[in-house]
Amino acid sequence: MDVALARSWIAAIAAAVAEQADYLTQLDSAIGDADHGVNLNRGFTAVVTALDTADPRTVAEVLVKTGTTLVSKVGGAAGPLYGTAFRAIGKALPADSSTVDAAELGVALRAGLAAVQKLGAAVPGDKTIVDAYGPAVAAFEEAADDGLPAAARAAAEAAAEGMRATTELHARKGRASYLGPRSVGHQDPGATSTWLIFQALADVAA
């Protein structure tokens, strides 16, 4: 991955979030605050603008800037969680390199997952971002030796499976946990937006 591909990834996320904003909000209206799509759309729109202004020179700079902007521009839980994830991903990459390989990106994605879990105290099965992010990272790492396109594709497929599996989970973290058993039967909006992020990576890396 070089700077151009990193920027393309973020732009693809922004486009996907914009296209699916109403759907994400609809999912969130069932078990959350009905603002997930709106908040993420605003955040990634701001990220694209920030990257155009900043003109980052390394992949690490692209992703750290993405995370910093999300933290400052997105309300609710999504801003701190996704912002922290992207900052951690960027900081785990070589700071002075204009390109990173699949193995390096896999390590960084793992660091992003750890940061999300530390901040949100969520574990697999809690019906959160982690239920899509965790399987995605594991699949990416397993396929990293085959190169970025293969690893990204495997990650997206695993994220989609994890996302769908949240439907039958009983939420134990976040706003949805207040509903108790009534959260069962609803797909988690955070896991859904996590899938969009990994799908965007697969699309641009193909």
N, C-alpha and C. Protein backbone atom coordinates (compact mmCIF):
# COMPACT_ATOMS: atom_id res chain seq x y z
N MET A 1 0.84 -1.19 0.00
CA MET A 1 0.00 0.00 0.00
C MET A 1 0.88 1.25 0.00
N ASP A 2 0.60 2.16 -0.94
CA ASP A 2 1.30 3.44 -0.94
C ASP A 2 0.32 4.54 -0.53
N VAL A 3 0.78 5.77 -0.55
CA VAL A 3 -0.06 6.88 -0.09
C VAL A 3 -1.31 7.02 -0.95
N ALA A 4 -1.15 6.87 -2.25
CA ALA A 4 -2.30 6.99 -3.15
C ALA A 4 -3.36 5.93 -2.84
N LEU A 5 -2.93 4.70 -2.57
CA LEU A 5 -3.88 3.64 -2.27
C LEU A 5 -4.53 3.87 -0.90
N ALA A 6 -3.75 4.35 0.05
CA ALA A 6 -4.32 4.66 1.37
C ALA A 6 -5.39 5.73 1.26
N ARG A 7 -5.10 6.75 0.47
CA ARG A 7 -6.09 7.81 0.28
C ARG A 7 -7.31 7.28 -0.46
N SER A 8 -7.09 6.39 -1.43
CA SER A 8 -8.21 5.79 -2.15
C SER A 8 -9.08 4.95 -1.22
N TRP A 9 -8.43 4.26 -0.27
CA TRP A 9 -9.19 3.49 0.72
C TRP A 9 -10.11 4.39 1.52
N ILE A 10 -9.58 5.48 2.03
CA ILE A 10 -10.40 6.39 2.83
C ILE A 10 -11.51 7.01 2.00
N ALA A 11 -11.20 7.38 0.76
CA ALA A 11 -12.22 7.94 -0.12
C ALA A 11 -13.32 6.92 -0.40
N ALA A 12 -12.93 5.64 -0.56
CA ALA A 12 -13.91 4.59 -0.80
C ALA A 12 -14.79 4.35 0.43
N ILE A 13 -14.19 4.45 1.61
CA ILE A 13 -14.99 4.35 2.84
C ILE A 13 -16.00 5.48 2.89
N ALA A 14 -15.53 6.70 2.61
CA ALA A 14 -16.42 7.87 2.66
C ALA A 14 -17.58 7.70 1.69
N ALA A 15 -17.29 7.20 0.49
CA ALA A 15 -18.34 7.00 -0.51
C ALA A 15 -19.34 5.93 -0.06
N ALA A 16 -18.81 4.84 0.50
CA ALA A 16 -19.68 3.75 0.97
C ALA A 16 -20.56 4.20 2.13
N VAL A 17 -19.97 4.93 3.05
CA VAL A 17 -20.74 5.43 4.20
C VAL A 17 -21.82 6.40 3.75
N ALA A 18 -21.48 7.27 2.79
CA ALA A 18 -22.48 8.20 2.27
C ALA A 18 -23.64 7.46 1.62
N GLU A 19 -23.30 6.42 0.86
CA GLU A 19 -24.33 5.64 0.17
C GLU A 19 -25.20 4.86 1.15
N GLN A 20 -24.61 4.38 2.23
CA GLN A 20 -25.31 3.52 3.18
C GLN A 20 -25.72 4.26 4.47
N ALA A 21 -25.61 5.57 4.48
CA ALA A 21 -25.87 6.33 5.71
C ALA A 21 -27.29 6.08 6.24
N ASP A 22 -28.27 6.10 5.36
CA ASP A 22 -29.65 5.88 5.80
C ASP A 22 -29.83 4.47 6.35
N TYR A 23 -29.19 3.50 5.70
CA TYR A 23 -29.29 2.11 6.17
C TYR A 23 -28.64 1.95 7.54
N LEU A 24 -27.47 2.56 7.73
CA LEU A 24 -26.80 2.49 9.03
C LEU A 24 -27.64 3.15 10.12
N THR A 25 -28.25 4.25 9.79
CA THR A 25 -29.11 4.94 10.76
C THR A 25 -30.36 4.11 11.06
N GLN A 26 -30.89 3.45 10.03
CA GLN A 26 -32.05 2.58 10.24
C GLN A 26 -31.69 1.43 11.20
N LEU A 27 -30.52 0.83 11.00
CA LEU A 27 -30.09 -0.23 11.92
C LEU A 27 -29.94 0.33 13.33
N ASP A 28 -29.38 1.52 13.43
CA ASP A 28 -29.14 2.13 14.74
C ASP A 28 -30.43 2.57 15.41
N SER A 29 -31.44 2.87 14.62
CA SER A 29 -32.71 3.31 15.22
C SER A 29 -33.38 2.17 15.97
N ALA A 30 -33.07 0.93 15.59
CA ALA A 30 -33.68 -0.23 16.25
C ALA A 30 -33.07 -0.51 17.61
N ILE A 31 -31.76 -0.26 17.76
CA ILE A 31 -31.09 -0.64 19.01
C ILE A 31 -30.15 0.43 19.55
N GLY A 32 -30.15 1.61 18.94
CA GLY A 32 -29.22 2.65 19.38
C GLY A 32 -29.86 4.02 19.38
N ASP A 33 -29.07 5.04 19.01
CA ASP A 33 -29.53 6.42 19.06
C ASP A 33 -29.96 6.97 17.70
N ALA A 34 -30.00 6.11 16.69
CA ALA A 34 -30.46 6.51 15.36
C ALA A 34 -29.60 7.60 14.73
N ASP A 35 -28.29 7.57 15.03
CA ASP A 35 -27.42 8.62 14.48
C ASP A 35 -26.13 8.06 13.86
N HIS A 36 -25.99 6.75 13.79
CA HIS A 36 -24.73 6.15 13.36
C HIS A 36 -24.36 6.55 11.92
N GLY A 37 -25.32 6.42 11.02
CA GLY A 37 -25.04 6.77 9.64
C GLY A 37 -24.76 8.25 9.45
N VAL A 38 -25.55 9.08 10.08
CA VAL A 38 -25.37 10.54 9.98
C VAL A 38 -24.01 10.95 10.53
N ASN A 39 -23.66 10.42 11.68
CA ASN A 39 -22.39 10.78 12.31
C ASN A 39 -21.19 10.33 11.48
N LEU A 40 -21.22 9.07 11.02
CA LEU A 40 -20.09 8.57 10.24
C LEU A 40 -19.97 9.30 8.90
N ASN A 41 -21.09 9.61 8.29
CA ASN A 41 -21.06 10.33 7.02
C ASN A 41 -20.41 11.71 7.21
N ARG A 42 -20.81 12.40 8.23
CA ARG A 42 -20.21 13.70 8.52
C ARG A 42 -18.71 13.56 8.79
N GLY A 43 -18.35 12.52 9.54
CA GLY A 43 -16.95 12.33 9.90
C GLY A 43 -16.06 12.02 8.71
N PHE A 44 -16.48 11.08 7.87
CA PHE A 44 -15.62 10.72 6.73
C PHE A 44 -15.61 11.79 5.65
N THR A 45 -16.69 12.57 5.55
CA THR A 45 -16.65 13.73 4.66
C THR A 45 -15.60 14.71 5.13
N ALA A 46 -15.53 14.92 6.44
CA ALA A 46 -14.52 15.81 7.01
C ALA A 46 -13.11 15.25 6.82
N VAL A 47 -12.98 13.93 6.90
CA VAL A 47 -11.67 13.30 6.70
C VAL A 47 -11.15 13.55 5.29
N VAL A 48 -12.00 13.36 4.30
CA VAL A 48 -11.57 13.58 2.91
C VAL A 48 -11.09 15.01 2.72
N THR A 49 -11.81 15.96 3.29
CA THR A 49 -11.40 17.36 3.21
C THR A 49 -10.07 17.59 3.93
N ALA A 50 -9.93 16.99 5.10
CA ALA A 50 -8.70 17.15 5.88
C ALA A 50 -7.50 16.57 5.16
N LEU A 51 -7.67 15.44 4.51
CA LEU A 51 -6.56 14.83 3.78
C LEU A 51 -6.16 15.67 2.57
N ASP A 52 -7.14 16.27 1.91
CA ASP A 52 -6.83 17.15 0.78
C ASP A 52 -6.01 18.35 1.24
N THR A 53 -6.33 18.85 2.43
CA THR A 53 -5.63 20.02 2.97
C THR A 53 -4.24 19.65 3.49
N ALA A 54 -4.14 18.49 4.14
CA ALA A 54 -2.89 18.11 4.81
C ALA A 54 -1.83 17.59 3.84
N ASP A 55 -2.25 16.96 2.75
CA ASP A 55 -1.33 16.37 1.78
C ASP A 55 -0.30 15.46 2.46
N PRO A 56 -0.75 14.39 3.12
CA PRO A 56 0.16 13.48 3.83
C PRO A 56 1.17 12.81 2.90
N ARG A 57 2.35 12.53 3.44
CA ARG A 57 3.44 11.97 2.63
C ARG A 57 3.68 10.49 2.86
N THR A 58 3.08 9.92 3.90
CA THR A 58 3.24 8.50 4.19
C THR A 58 1.88 7.87 4.47
N VAL A 59 1.83 6.55 4.36
CA VAL A 59 0.60 5.83 4.69
C VAL A 59 0.23 6.08 6.15
N ALA A 60 1.23 6.08 7.02
CA ALA A 60 0.98 6.33 8.44
C ALA A 60 0.31 7.68 8.65
N GLU A 61 0.79 8.70 7.95
CA GLU A 61 0.20 10.04 8.10
C GLU A 61 -1.25 10.07 7.63
N VAL A 62 -1.54 9.37 6.54
CA VAL A 62 -2.91 9.31 6.04
C VAL A 62 -3.85 8.76 7.12
N LEU A 63 -3.44 7.66 7.74
CA LEU A 63 -4.33 6.98 8.68
C LEU A 63 -4.40 7.68 10.03
N VAL A 64 -3.29 8.25 10.48
CA VAL A 64 -3.34 9.03 11.73
C VAL A 64 -4.23 10.25 11.55
N LYS A 65 -4.10 10.93 10.41
CA LYS A 65 -4.94 12.09 10.14
C LYS A 65 -6.41 11.69 10.08
N THR A 66 -6.67 10.55 9.48
CA THR A 66 -8.04 10.04 9.43
C THR A 66 -8.60 9.86 10.84
N GLY A 67 -7.82 9.22 11.70
CA GLY A 67 -8.27 8.97 13.06
C GLY A 67 -8.46 10.24 13.86
N THR A 68 -7.53 11.16 13.76
CA THR A 68 -7.62 12.42 14.49
C THR A 68 -8.86 13.20 14.08
N THR A 69 -9.14 13.21 12.79
CA THR A 69 -10.31 13.93 12.29
C THR A 69 -11.60 13.29 12.76
N LEU A 70 -11.66 11.97 12.74
CA LEU A 70 -12.87 11.28 13.20
C LEU A 70 -13.15 11.57 14.67
N VAL A 71 -12.11 11.56 15.49
CA VAL A 71 -12.30 11.84 16.91
C VAL A 71 -12.88 13.24 17.12
N SER A 72 -12.42 14.19 16.32
CA SER A 72 -12.84 15.57 16.52
C SER A 72 -14.18 15.90 15.86
N LYS A 73 -14.60 15.10 14.87
CA LYS A 73 -15.77 15.48 14.07
C LYS A 73 -16.99 14.59 14.26
N VAL A 74 -16.82 13.41 14.82
CA VAL A 74 -17.93 12.45 14.91
C VAL A 74 -18.43 12.34 16.33
N GLY A 75 -19.73 12.49 16.49
CA GLY A 75 -20.33 12.34 17.81
C GLY A 75 -20.63 10.89 18.14
N GLY A 76 -21.22 10.69 19.30
CA GLY A 76 -21.59 9.34 19.72
C GLY A 76 -20.38 8.48 20.00
N ALA A 77 -20.59 7.18 19.96
CA ALA A 77 -19.49 6.24 20.24
C ALA A 77 -18.59 6.03 19.03
N ALA A 78 -19.12 6.24 17.83
CA ALA A 78 -18.39 5.90 16.62
C ALA A 78 -17.12 6.72 16.45
N GLY A 79 -17.19 8.01 16.76
CA GLY A 79 -16.03 8.87 16.58
C GLY A 79 -14.82 8.43 17.39
N PRO A 80 -14.96 8.30 18.70
CA PRO A 80 -13.84 7.83 19.50
C PRO A 80 -13.35 6.44 19.11
N LEU A 81 -14.27 5.52 18.80
CA LEU A 81 -13.86 4.15 18.49
C LEU A 81 -13.13 4.07 17.15
N TYR A 82 -13.74 4.57 16.09
CA TYR A 82 -13.09 4.51 14.79
C TYR A 82 -11.89 5.45 14.73
N GLY A 83 -11.99 6.59 15.37
CA GLY A 83 -10.86 7.50 15.40
C GLY A 83 -9.66 6.88 16.09
N THR A 84 -9.91 6.25 17.22
CA THR A 84 -8.84 5.58 17.96
C THR A 84 -8.24 4.44 17.14
N ALA A 85 -9.11 3.72 16.43
CA ALA A 85 -8.63 2.60 15.61
C ALA A 85 -7.70 3.10 14.51
N PHE A 86 -8.12 4.10 13.76
CA PHE A 86 -7.28 4.57 12.66
C PHE A 86 -6.00 5.22 13.15
N ARG A 87 -6.06 5.92 14.26
CA ARG A 87 -4.83 6.49 14.83
C ARG A 87 -3.86 5.38 15.22
N ALA A 88 -4.39 4.33 15.84
CA ALA A 88 -3.53 3.22 16.26
C ALA A 88 -2.96 2.49 15.05
N ILE A 89 -3.76 2.32 14.00
CA ILE A 89 -3.27 1.68 12.78
C ILE A 89 -2.12 2.49 12.20
N GLY A 90 -2.33 3.80 12.09
CA GLY A 90 -1.29 4.65 11.53
C GLY A 90 -0.02 4.66 12.35
N LYS A 91 -0.17 4.72 13.66
CA LYS A 91 1.00 4.79 14.54
C LYS A 91 1.78 3.48 14.57
N ALA A 92 1.12 2.37 14.21
CA ALA A 92 1.79 1.07 14.20
C ALA A 92 2.56 0.83 12.89
N LEU A 93 2.37 1.70 11.91
CA LEU A 93 3.07 1.57 10.63
C LEU A 93 4.39 2.31 10.65
N PRO A 94 5.34 1.94 9.78
CA PRO A 94 6.60 2.66 9.71
C PRO A 94 6.36 4.15 9.43
N ALA A 95 6.86 5.00 10.30
CA ALA A 95 6.55 6.43 10.23
C ALA A 95 7.17 7.13 9.04
N ASP A 96 8.26 6.59 8.52
CA ASP A 96 8.98 7.29 7.47
C ASP A 96 8.91 6.58 6.12
N SER A 97 8.01 5.64 5.98
CA SER A 97 7.92 4.85 4.75
C SER A 97 6.70 5.27 3.93
N SER A 98 6.89 5.46 2.64
CA SER A 98 5.78 5.83 1.76
C SER A 98 4.97 4.62 1.31
N THR A 99 5.48 3.41 1.59
CA THR A 99 4.75 2.20 1.26
C THR A 99 4.82 1.21 2.42
N VAL A 100 3.79 0.37 2.55
CA VAL A 100 3.79 -0.70 3.55
C VAL A 100 3.30 -1.97 2.86
N ASP A 101 3.79 -3.11 3.33
CA ASP A 101 3.35 -4.36 2.73
C ASP A 101 2.18 -4.95 3.53
N ALA A 102 1.65 -6.05 3.04
CA ALA A 102 0.46 -6.64 3.66
C ALA A 102 0.74 -7.08 5.09
N ALA A 103 1.92 -7.63 5.34
CA ALA A 103 2.25 -8.07 6.70
C ALA A 103 2.28 -6.89 7.66
N GLU A 104 2.89 -5.79 7.23
CA GLU A 104 2.95 -4.60 8.08
C GLU A 104 1.55 -4.04 8.34
N LEU A 105 0.72 -4.04 7.31
CA LEU A 105 -0.65 -3.55 7.49
C LEU A 105 -1.44 -4.48 8.42
N GLY A 106 -1.20 -5.77 8.33
CA GLY A 106 -1.87 -6.70 9.22
C GLY A 106 -1.54 -6.44 10.68
N VAL A 107 -0.26 -6.20 10.95
CA VAL A 107 0.16 -5.86 12.32
C VAL A 107 -0.54 -4.59 12.79
N ALA A 108 -0.63 -3.61 11.89
CA ALA A 108 -1.25 -2.33 12.24
C ALA A 108 -2.75 -2.48 12.47
N LEU A 109 -3.41 -3.28 11.64
CA LEU A 109 -4.83 -3.52 11.84
C LEU A 109 -5.09 -4.20 13.18
N ARG A 110 -4.20 -5.09 13.57
CA ARG A 110 -4.30 -5.75 14.87
C ARG A 110 -4.17 -4.73 16.00
N ALA A 111 -3.26 -3.76 15.82
CA ALA A 111 -3.09 -2.70 16.82
C ALA A 111 -4.36 -1.85 16.91
N GLY A 112 -5.00 -1.62 15.78
CA GLY A 112 -6.26 -0.88 15.79
C GLY A 112 -7.34 -1.62 16.56
N LEU A 113 -7.43 -2.92 16.36
CA LEU A 113 -8.40 -3.73 17.10
C LEU A 113 -8.14 -3.66 18.59
N ALA A 114 -6.88 -3.78 18.98
CA ALA A 114 -6.53 -3.72 20.41
C ALA A 114 -6.92 -2.38 21.00
N ALA A 115 -6.75 -1.30 20.24
CA ALA A 115 -7.10 0.03 20.72
C ALA A 115 -8.61 0.16 20.91
N VAL A 116 -9.37 -0.39 19.98
CA VAL A 116 -10.83 -0.36 20.08
C VAL A 116 -11.29 -1.15 21.31
N GLN A 117 -10.69 -2.31 21.52
CA GLN A 117 -11.10 -3.13 22.67
C GLN A 117 -10.70 -2.49 23.99
N LYS A 118 -9.57 -1.83 23.99
CA LYS A 118 -9.15 -1.14 25.22
C LYS A 118 -10.10 0.00 25.55
N LEU A 119 -10.49 0.76 24.53
CA LEU A 119 -11.38 1.91 24.76
C LEU A 119 -12.79 1.48 25.12
N GLY A 120 -13.33 0.50 24.37
CA GLY A 120 -14.72 0.12 24.56
C GLY A 120 -14.94 -1.05 25.48
N ALA A 121 -13.86 -1.72 25.87
CA ALA A 121 -13.92 -2.88 26.77
C ALA A 121 -14.83 -3.98 26.22
N ALA A 122 -14.89 -4.10 24.89
CA ALA A 122 -15.74 -5.11 24.27
C ALA A 122 -14.92 -6.34 23.90
N VAL A 123 -15.57 -7.48 23.96
CA VAL A 123 -14.96 -8.74 23.56
C VAL A 123 -15.87 -9.37 22.50
N PRO A 124 -15.36 -10.36 21.76
CA PRO A 124 -16.21 -11.04 20.78
C PRO A 124 -17.48 -11.57 21.43
N GLY A 125 -18.59 -11.37 20.75
CA GLY A 125 -19.88 -11.82 21.26
C GLY A 125 -20.67 -10.75 21.96
N ASP A 126 -20.09 -9.55 22.13
CA ASP A 126 -20.79 -8.45 22.81
C ASP A 126 -21.72 -7.68 21.87
N LYS A 127 -21.73 -8.03 20.58
CA LYS A 127 -22.58 -7.34 19.58
C LYS A 127 -22.08 -5.92 19.34
N THR A 128 -20.82 -5.82 18.90
CA THR A 128 -20.20 -4.53 18.65
C THR A 128 -19.34 -4.59 17.39
N ILE A 129 -18.62 -3.50 17.15
CA ILE A 129 -17.62 -3.42 16.09
C ILE A 129 -16.68 -4.62 16.12
N VAL A 130 -16.32 -5.05 17.33
CA VAL A 130 -15.33 -6.12 17.51
C VAL A 130 -15.76 -7.42 16.81
N ASP A 131 -17.06 -7.66 16.73
CA ASP A 131 -17.53 -8.91 16.14
C ASP A 131 -17.29 -8.98 14.64
N ALA A 132 -17.09 -7.85 14.00
CA ALA A 132 -16.69 -7.84 12.59
C ALA A 132 -15.19 -7.59 12.45
N TYR A 133 -14.65 -6.72 13.28
CA TYR A 133 -13.24 -6.34 13.19
C TYR A 133 -12.32 -7.51 13.54
N GLY A 134 -12.63 -8.23 14.60
CA GLY A 134 -11.79 -9.35 15.03
C GLY A 134 -11.60 -10.41 13.96
N PRO A 135 -12.70 -10.95 13.41
CA PRO A 135 -12.56 -11.94 12.34
C PRO A 135 -11.86 -11.38 11.10
N ALA A 136 -12.09 -10.10 10.81
CA ALA A 136 -11.46 -9.49 9.64
C ALA A 136 -9.95 -9.46 9.79
N VAL A 137 -9.47 -9.07 10.95
CA VAL A 137 -8.03 -9.00 11.18
C VAL A 137 -7.42 -10.40 11.12
N ALA A 138 -8.07 -11.37 11.74
CA ALA A 138 -7.56 -12.74 11.73
C ALA A 138 -7.45 -13.27 10.29
N ALA A 139 -8.46 -13.00 9.49
CA ALA A 139 -8.45 -13.45 8.11
C ALA A 139 -7.39 -12.71 7.30
N PHE A 140 -7.22 -11.42 7.55
CA PHE A 140 -6.20 -10.63 6.85
C PHE A 140 -4.82 -11.19 7.16
N GLU A 141 -4.55 -11.43 8.43
CA GLU A 141 -3.24 -11.95 8.83
C GLU A 141 -2.96 -13.31 8.19
N GLU A 142 -3.98 -14.15 8.14
CA GLU A 142 -3.80 -15.50 7.60
C GLU A 142 -3.47 -15.47 6.11
N ALA A 143 -4.02 -14.48 5.41
CA ALA A 143 -3.83 -14.41 3.96
C ALA A 143 -2.76 -13.40 3.54
N ALA A 144 -2.08 -12.76 4.52
CA ALA A 144 -1.14 -11.68 4.21
C ALA A 144 -0.01 -12.13 3.29
N ASP A 145 0.43 -13.37 3.43
CA ASP A 145 1.52 -13.87 2.58
C ASP A 145 1.13 -13.92 1.10
N ASP A 146 -0.16 -13.91 0.83
CA ASP A 146 -0.64 -13.95 -0.55
C ASP A 146 -0.76 -12.56 -1.16
N GLY A 147 -0.44 -11.53 -0.37
CA GLY A 147 -0.48 -10.17 -0.88
C GLY A 147 -1.71 -9.40 -0.41
N LEU A 148 -1.66 -8.09 -0.61
CA LEU A 148 -2.73 -7.23 -0.12
C LEU A 148 -4.10 -7.52 -0.73
N PRO A 149 -4.23 -7.70 -2.04
CA PRO A 149 -5.56 -7.96 -2.58
C PRO A 149 -6.24 -9.18 -1.96
N ALA A 150 -5.47 -10.27 -1.82
CA ALA A 150 -6.04 -11.49 -1.25
C ALA A 150 -6.37 -11.31 0.23
N ALA A 151 -5.48 -10.65 0.95
CA ALA A 151 -5.70 -10.44 2.38
C ALA A 151 -6.92 -9.54 2.62
N ALA A 152 -7.02 -8.49 1.83
CA ALA A 152 -8.15 -7.56 1.99
C ALA A 152 -9.47 -8.24 1.64
N ARG A 153 -9.46 -9.06 0.61
CA ARG A 153 -10.67 -9.79 0.23
C ARG A 153 -11.09 -10.77 1.33
N ALA A 154 -10.13 -11.47 1.90
CA ALA A 154 -10.43 -12.40 2.99
C ALA A 154 -10.98 -11.65 4.20
N ALA A 155 -10.39 -10.50 4.49
CA ALA A 155 -10.85 -9.70 5.63
C ALA A 155 -12.28 -9.22 5.44
N ALA A 156 -12.59 -8.77 4.24
CA ALA A 156 -13.95 -8.28 3.96
C ALA A 156 -14.97 -9.40 4.10
N GLU A 157 -14.63 -10.57 3.61
CA GLU A 157 -15.55 -11.71 3.72
C GLU A 157 -15.77 -12.10 5.17
N ALA A 158 -14.69 -12.08 5.96
CA ALA A 158 -14.81 -12.42 7.38
C ALA A 158 -15.61 -11.36 8.14
N ALA A 159 -15.40 -10.09 7.78
CA ALA A 159 -16.15 -9.01 8.42
C ALA A 159 -17.64 -9.14 8.13
N ALA A 160 -17.96 -9.50 6.89
CA ALA A 160 -19.37 -9.67 6.52
C ALA A 160 -20.02 -10.81 7.31
N GLU A 161 -19.27 -11.89 7.48
CA GLU A 161 -19.80 -13.01 8.25
C GLU A 161 -20.00 -12.62 9.71
N GLY A 162 -19.02 -11.91 10.26
CA GLY A 162 -19.14 -11.46 11.64
C GLY A 162 -20.29 -10.49 11.82
N MET A 163 -20.45 -9.60 10.85
CA MET A 163 -21.55 -8.64 10.88
C MET A 163 -22.90 -9.35 10.93
N ARG A 164 -23.08 -10.30 10.04
CA ARG A 164 -24.37 -11.02 9.98
C ARG A 164 -24.62 -11.79 11.28
N ALA A 165 -23.55 -12.29 11.88
CA ALA A 165 -23.70 -13.09 13.10
C ALA A 165 -24.16 -12.25 14.29
N THR A 166 -23.99 -10.93 14.23
CA THR A 166 -24.43 -10.09 15.36
C THR A 166 -25.94 -10.07 15.51
N THR A 167 -26.66 -10.43 14.47
CA THR A 167 -28.12 -10.36 14.53
C THR A 167 -28.68 -11.18 15.69
N GLU A 168 -28.11 -12.33 15.92
CA GLU A 168 -28.64 -13.22 16.96
C GLU A 168 -27.96 -13.03 18.31
N LEU A 169 -27.08 -12.05 18.42
CA LEU A 169 -26.39 -11.83 19.68
C LEU A 169 -27.20 -10.92 20.61
N HIS A 170 -27.00 -11.13 21.90
CA HIS A 170 -27.57 -10.29 22.95
C HIS A 170 -26.52 -9.23 23.28
N ALA A 171 -26.85 -7.97 23.04
CA ALA A 171 -25.88 -6.89 23.22
C ALA A 171 -25.47 -6.76 24.69
N ARG A 172 -24.14 -6.67 24.90
CA ARG A 172 -23.63 -6.51 26.26
C ARG A 172 -22.81 -5.23 26.44
N LYS A 173 -22.66 -4.46 25.36
CA LYS A 173 -21.93 -3.20 25.43
C LYS A 173 -22.69 -2.14 24.63
N GLY A 174 -22.46 -0.88 24.97
CA GLY A 174 -23.03 0.21 24.21
C GLY A 174 -24.51 0.43 24.48
N ARG A 175 -25.07 1.34 23.68
CA ARG A 175 -26.48 1.72 23.84
C ARG A 175 -27.41 0.52 23.70
N ALA A 176 -27.07 -0.40 22.80
CA ALA A 176 -27.94 -1.56 22.57
C ALA A 176 -28.08 -2.44 23.80
N SER A 177 -27.08 -2.41 24.67
CA SER A 177 -27.13 -3.28 25.86
C SER A 177 -28.28 -2.91 26.79
N TYR A 178 -28.75 -1.67 26.70
CA TYR A 178 -29.88 -1.24 27.54
C TYR A 178 -31.16 -1.98 27.20
N LEU A 179 -31.22 -2.52 25.99
CA LEU A 179 -32.43 -3.22 25.56
C LEU A 179 -32.49 -4.66 26.06
N GLY A 180 -31.36 -5.16 26.52
CA GLY A 180 -31.33 -6.53 27.00
C GLY A 180 -31.69 -7.52 25.90
N PRO A 181 -32.57 -8.48 26.20
CA PRO A 181 -32.93 -9.50 25.21
C PRO A 181 -33.56 -8.93 23.94
N ARG A 182 -34.13 -7.72 24.02
CA ARG A 182 -34.77 -7.12 22.85
C ARG A 182 -33.77 -6.74 21.77
N SER A 183 -32.48 -6.75 22.11
CA SER A 183 -31.46 -6.45 21.09
C SER A 183 -31.26 -7.62 20.13
N VAL A 184 -31.70 -8.81 20.54
CA VAL A 184 -31.59 -9.99 19.67
C VAL A 184 -32.51 -9.82 18.46
N GLY A 185 -32.01 -10.18 17.29
CA GLY A 185 -32.81 -10.05 16.08
C GLY A 185 -32.49 -8.83 15.26
N HIS A 186 -31.53 -8.01 15.74
CA HIS A 186 -31.14 -6.79 15.03
C HIS A 186 -29.64 -6.82 14.73
N GLN A 187 -29.28 -6.56 13.49
CA GLN A 187 -27.87 -6.51 13.11
C GLN A 187 -27.22 -5.27 13.70
N ASP A 188 -26.02 -5.44 14.22
CA ASP A 188 -25.34 -4.31 14.87
C ASP A 188 -24.86 -3.28 13.85
N PRO A 189 -25.19 -2.01 14.05
CA PRO A 189 -24.77 -0.98 13.09
C PRO A 189 -23.26 -0.78 13.06
N GLY A 190 -22.60 -0.89 14.20
CA GLY A 190 -21.14 -0.73 14.23
C GLY A 190 -20.42 -1.84 13.49
N ALA A 191 -20.91 -3.06 13.65
CA ALA A 191 -20.33 -4.17 12.90
C ALA A 191 -20.57 -3.98 11.40
N THR A 192 -21.69 -3.38 11.06
CA THR A 192 -22.02 -3.15 9.66
C THR A 192 -21.09 -2.11 9.05
N SER A 193 -20.85 -1.03 9.76
CA SER A 193 -19.93 -0.01 9.23
C SER A 193 -18.49 -0.53 9.21
N THR A 194 -18.16 -1.42 10.12
CA THR A 194 -16.84 -2.05 10.09
C THR A 194 -16.68 -2.89 8.82
N TRP A 195 -17.72 -3.61 8.46
CA TRP A 195 -17.68 -4.36 7.20
C TRP A 195 -17.49 -3.42 6.02
N LEU A 196 -18.18 -2.27 6.02
CA LEU A 196 -18.01 -1.31 4.92
C LEU A 196 -16.55 -0.86 4.80
N ILE A 197 -15.89 -0.68 5.92
CA ILE A 197 -14.49 -0.24 5.92
C ILE A 197 -13.59 -1.31 5.29
N PHE A 198 -13.79 -2.55 5.67
CA PHE A 198 -12.96 -3.62 5.10
C PHE A 198 -13.34 -3.93 3.66
N GLN A 199 -14.61 -3.80 3.32
CA GLN A 199 -15.01 -3.99 1.94
C GLN A 199 -14.40 -2.92 1.05
N ALA A 200 -14.33 -1.70 1.56
CA ALA A 200 -13.71 -0.61 0.79
C ALA A 200 -12.23 -0.91 0.53
N LEU A 201 -11.56 -1.48 1.52
CA LEU A 201 -10.15 -1.85 1.34
C LEU A 201 -10.02 -2.93 0.27
N ALA A 202 -10.90 -3.92 0.31
CA ALA A 202 -10.86 -4.97 -0.70
C ALA A 202 -11.12 -4.41 -2.09
N ASP A 203 -12.03 -3.47 -2.19
CA ASP A 203 -12.38 -2.89 -3.49
C ASP A 203 -11.20 -2.12 -4.11
N VAL A 204 -10.51 -1.32 -3.29
CA VAL A 204 -9.43 -0.50 -3.85
C VAL A 204 -8.15 -1.32 -4.06
N ALA A 205 -8.00 -2.40 -3.29
CA ALA A 205 -6.78 -3.21 -3.40
C ALA A 205 -6.86 -4.24 -4.51
N ALA A 206 -8.05 -4.48 -5.02
CA ALA A 206 -8.24 -5.53 -6.04
C ALA A 206 -7.44 -5.26 -7.30
